[in-house]
Amino acid sequence: MTTPDKKPDFSNVQTTVTSTEQVRPDFSNVQTTVTSTEEIVGGEGGGGSTGEQTYTIEKGDTLSHIAKRFYGKAKFWRHIHEANRDTIEDPDRIFPGQTIKLPAIDVDGDGDLDDPSAD
C-alpha cells in the first residue's frame, strides 16, 4: 500500500516587504514672507506722480471694464492682474470693496509709461 504524498508545511514561513517609494515630506506647516525691493518709478517731468493709482472695485466691475475705463482698451486687464497678484488670485473673481493698484503702462506704444490717472 502506498502512503499518500505528504503536503509541504509552510507554517514557519516569514516574509518582509519593503518599498522603494520614498515618504513624501509634510510641507503643510511651511510659511513664507516675500519682501520686494522693487521701486515704482513715475513718468518724466518730476510731477510727483508715482505712475500708479488705486481703485476700489465696485459691484459689476471686471478687470476688462476697469482697463477699458482707465487705459482705453480692455486688453490691458492682464497688466492690472499682474500688478495685483498679491490680492487677486483669480482675475475672474474680484469683489466690491477690494482696492487694487492701477499700474502705469505704455498704452500708446511710445516707450513711455502712461499714468492711468492722466486723461
C-alpha atoms as a PDB file:
ATOM      1  CA  MET A   1       0.000   0.000   0.000  1.00  0.00           C
ATOM      2  CA  THR A   2       1.317   3.404  -0.828  1.00  0.00           C
ATOM      3  CA  THR A   3       1.298   6.302   1.585  1.00  0.00           C
ATOM      4  CA  PRO A   4      -0.327   9.480   0.354  1.00  0.00           C
ATOM      5  CA  ASP A   5       2.075  12.256  -0.576  1.00  0.00           C
ATOM      6  CA  LYS A   6       2.844  14.460   2.349  1.00  0.00           C
ATOM      7  CA  LYS A   7       1.857  18.128   1.762  1.00  0.00           C
ATOM      8  CA  PRO A   8       4.549  20.745   2.298  1.00  0.00           C
ATOM      9  CA  ASP A   9       4.378  22.592   5.608  1.00  0.00           C
ATOM     10  CA  PHE A  10       4.554  26.406   5.224  1.00  0.00           C
ATOM     11  CA  SER A  11       3.571  27.279   8.792  1.00  0.00           C
ATOM     12  CA  ASN A  12       7.050  28.605   9.677  1.00  0.00           C
ATOM     13  CA  VAL A  13       7.491  30.811   6.585  1.00  0.00           C
ATOM     14  CA  GLN A  14       8.055  34.513   7.285  1.00  0.00           C
ATOM     15  CA  THR A  15       8.155  37.441   4.882  1.00  0.00           C
ATOM     16  CA  THR A  16       9.118  41.096   4.895  1.00  0.00           C
ATOM     17  CA  VAL A  17       8.019  43.682   2.338  1.00  0.00           C
ATOM     18  CA  THR A  18       9.875  46.936   1.785  1.00  0.00           C
ATOM     19  CA  SER A  19       9.029  49.638  -0.692  1.00  0.00           C
ATOM     20  CA  THR A  20      11.330  51.763  -2.788  1.00  0.00           C
ATOM     21  CA  GLU A  21       8.788  54.612  -2.677  1.00  0.00           C
ATOM     22  CA  GLN A  22      10.069  57.424  -0.503  1.00  0.00           C
ATOM     23  CA  VAL A  23       7.932  59.010   2.159  1.00  0.00           C
ATOM     24  CA  ARG A  24       6.853  62.448   0.991  1.00  0.00           C
ATOM     25  CA  PRO A  25       7.788  65.301   3.310  1.00  0.00           C
ATOM     26  CA  ASP A  26       4.974  67.200   5.002  1.00  0.00           C
ATOM     27  CA  PHE A  27       5.043  70.867   3.975  1.00  0.00           C
ATOM     28  CA  SER A  28       1.666  71.771   5.475  1.00  0.00           C
ATOM     29  CA  ASN A  29       3.298  73.884   8.185  1.00  0.00           C
ATOM     30  CA  VAL A  30       5.589  75.894   5.889  1.00  0.00           C
ATOM     31  CA  GLN A  31       5.165  79.664   5.969  1.00  0.00           C
ATOM     32  CA  THR A  32       6.814  82.265   3.783  1.00  0.00           C
ATOM     33  CA  THR A  33       7.229  86.012   3.595  1.00  0.00           C
ATOM     34  CA  VAL A  34       8.070  87.980   0.482  1.00  0.00           C
ATOM     35  CA  THR A  35       9.713  91.372   0.640  1.00  0.00           C
ATOM     36  CA  SER A  36      10.273  93.332  -2.530  1.00  0.00           C
ATOM     37  CA  THR A  37      12.874  95.968  -3.176  1.00  0.00           C
ATOM     38  CA  GLU A  38      11.115  96.987  -6.385  1.00  0.00           C
ATOM     39  CA  GLU A  39      10.527 100.714  -6.669  1.00  0.00           C
ATOM     40  CA  ILE A  40       7.685 102.108  -8.732  1.00  0.00           C
ATOM     41  CA  VAL A  41       9.050 104.851 -10.918  1.00  0.00           C
ATOM     42  CA  GLY A  42       6.809 107.587 -12.260  1.00  0.00           C
ATOM     43  CA  GLY A  43       6.970 109.346 -15.613  1.00  0.00           C
ATOM     44  CA  GLU A  44       9.301 112.149 -16.580  1.00  0.00           C
ATOM     45  CA  GLY A  45       8.935 115.761 -15.528  1.00  0.00           C
ATOM     46  CA  GLY A  46       9.108 115.408 -11.759  1.00  0.00           C
ATOM     47  CA  GLY A  47       5.376 115.907 -11.291  1.00  0.00           C
ATOM     48  CA  GLY A  48       5.444 113.827  -8.122  1.00  0.00           C
ATOM     49  CA  SER A  49       3.270 111.067  -9.574  1.00  0.00           C
ATOM     50  CA  THR A  50       4.235 107.515  -8.710  1.00  0.00           C
ATOM     51  CA  GLY A  51       2.897 106.336 -12.057  1.00  0.00           C
ATOM     52  CA  GLU A  52       0.317 104.275 -10.230  1.00  0.00           C
ATOM     53  CA  GLN A  53      -3.015 104.889  -8.592  1.00  0.00           C
ATOM     54  CA  THR A  54      -5.506 102.774  -6.676  1.00  0.00           C
ATOM     55  CA  TYR A  55      -9.086 101.896  -7.486  1.00  0.00           C
ATOM     56  CA  THR A  56     -11.800 100.380  -5.303  1.00  0.00           C
ATOM     57  CA  ILE A  57     -13.757  97.651  -7.057  1.00  0.00           C
ATOM     58  CA  GLU A  58     -17.479  98.337  -7.422  1.00  0.00           C
ATOM     59  CA  LYS A  59     -20.340  95.901  -7.968  1.00  0.00           C
ATOM     60  CA  GLY A  60     -20.361  94.696 -11.588  1.00  0.00           C
ATOM     61  CA  ASP A  61     -16.715  95.593 -12.276  1.00  0.00           C
ATOM     62  CA  THR A  62     -14.395  93.286 -14.199  1.00  0.00           C
ATOM     63  CA  LEU A  63     -10.707  93.796 -14.839  1.00  0.00           C
ATOM     64  CA  SER A  64     -11.526  94.256 -18.540  1.00  0.00           C
ATOM     65  CA  HIS A  65     -14.033  97.017 -17.776  1.00  0.00           C
ATOM     66  CA  ILE A  66     -11.576  98.734 -15.449  1.00  0.00           C
ATOM     67  CA  ALA A  67      -8.825  98.501 -18.095  1.00  0.00           C
ATOM     68  CA  LYS A  68     -11.149  99.962 -20.751  1.00  0.00           C
ATOM     69  CA  ARG A  69     -12.107 102.830 -18.416  1.00  0.00           C
ATOM     70  CA  PHE A  70      -8.575 103.800 -17.363  1.00  0.00           C
ATOM     71  CA  TYR A  71      -6.427 102.722 -20.315  1.00  0.00           C
ATOM     72  CA  GLY A  72      -8.869 102.910 -23.231  1.00  0.00           C
ATOM     73  CA  LYS A  73      -8.603  99.209 -24.129  1.00  0.00           C
ATOM     74  CA  ALA A  74      -9.895  96.128 -22.314  1.00  0.00           C
ATOM     75  CA  LYS A  75      -6.823  94.118 -23.344  1.00  0.00           C
ATOM     76  CA  PHE A  76      -4.779  95.813 -20.609  1.00  0.00           C
ATOM     77  CA  TRP A  77      -6.612  93.799 -17.903  1.00  0.00           C
ATOM     78  CA  ARG A  78      -3.573  91.483 -17.719  1.00  0.00           C
ATOM     79  CA  HIS A  79      -1.383  94.394 -16.582  1.00  0.00           C
ATOM     80  CA  ILE A  80      -3.853  95.160 -13.780  1.00  0.00           C
ATOM     81  CA  HIS A  81      -3.920  91.497 -12.749  1.00  0.00           C
ATOM     82  CA  GLU A  82      -0.112  91.263 -12.792  1.00  0.00           C
ATOM     83  CA  ALA A  83       0.223  94.394 -10.622  1.00  0.00           C
ATOM     84  CA  ASN A  84      -2.223  92.883  -8.107  1.00  0.00           C
ATOM     85  CA  ARG A  85      -1.099  89.251  -7.908  1.00  0.00           C
ATOM     86  CA  ASP A  86      -0.771  89.715  -4.142  1.00  0.00           C
ATOM     87  CA  THR A  87      -4.517  90.448  -3.792  1.00  0.00           C
ATOM     88  CA  ILE A  88      -6.128  88.961  -6.925  1.00  0.00           C
ATOM     89  CA  GLU A  89      -5.557  85.228  -7.194  1.00  0.00           C
ATOM     90  CA  ASP A  90      -8.126  84.641  -9.950  1.00  0.00           C
ATOM     91  CA  PRO A  91      -8.793  87.544 -12.368  1.00  0.00           C
ATOM     92  CA  ASP A  92     -12.377  86.350 -12.765  1.00  0.00           C
ATOM     93  CA  ARG A  93     -13.040  86.672  -9.033  1.00  0.00           C
ATOM     94  CA  ILE A  94     -12.807  90.262  -7.838  1.00  0.00           C
ATOM     95  CA  PHE A  95     -15.041  91.686  -5.143  1.00  0.00           C
ATOM     96  CA  PRO A  96     -16.693  95.033  -4.389  1.00  0.00           C
ATOM     97  CA  GLY A  97     -14.668  96.945  -1.808  1.00  0.00           C
ATOM     98  CA  GLN A  98     -11.379  95.402  -2.896  1.00  0.00           C
ATOM     99  CA  THR A  99      -8.721  98.069  -3.507  1.00  0.00           C
ATOM    100  CA  ILE A 100      -6.380  97.406  -6.419  1.00  0.00           C
ATOM    101  CA  LYS A 101      -3.396  99.166  -7.961  1.00  0.00           C
ATOM    102  CA  LEU A 102      -3.668 100.601 -11.472  1.00  0.00           C
ATOM    103  CA  PRO A 103      -0.096 100.488 -12.788  1.00  0.00           C
ATOM    104  CA  ALA A 104       1.445 102.906 -15.231  1.00  0.00           C
ATOM    105  CA  ILE A 105       1.756 101.095 -18.574  1.00  0.00           C
ATOM    106  CA  ASP A 106       2.706 102.068 -22.102  1.00  0.00           C
ATOM    107  CA  VAL A 107      -0.751 102.311 -23.696  1.00  0.00           C
ATOM    108  CA  ASP A 108       0.232 104.378 -26.733  1.00  0.00           C
ATOM    109  CA  GLY A 109       3.327 102.390 -27.695  1.00  0.00           C
ATOM    110  CA  ASP A 110       5.767 105.308 -27.464  1.00  0.00           C
ATOM    111  CA  GLY A 111       8.004 103.510 -24.954  1.00  0.00           C
ATOM    112  CA  ASP A 112       6.995 105.739 -22.028  1.00  0.00           C
ATOM    113  CA  LEU A 113       4.797 104.606 -19.162  1.00  0.00           C
ATOM    114  CA  ASP A 114       1.409 106.328 -19.140  1.00  0.00           C
ATOM    115  CA  ASP A 115      -0.222 107.254 -15.833  1.00  0.00           C
ATOM    116  CA  PRO A 116      -3.772 105.807 -15.594  1.00  0.00           C
ATOM    117  CA  SER A 117      -4.963 108.998 -13.862  1.00  0.00           C
ATOM    118  CA  ALA A 118      -3.853 111.203 -16.777  1.00  0.00           C
ATOM    119  CA  ASP A 119      -6.564 111.713 -19.371  1.00  0.00           C
END
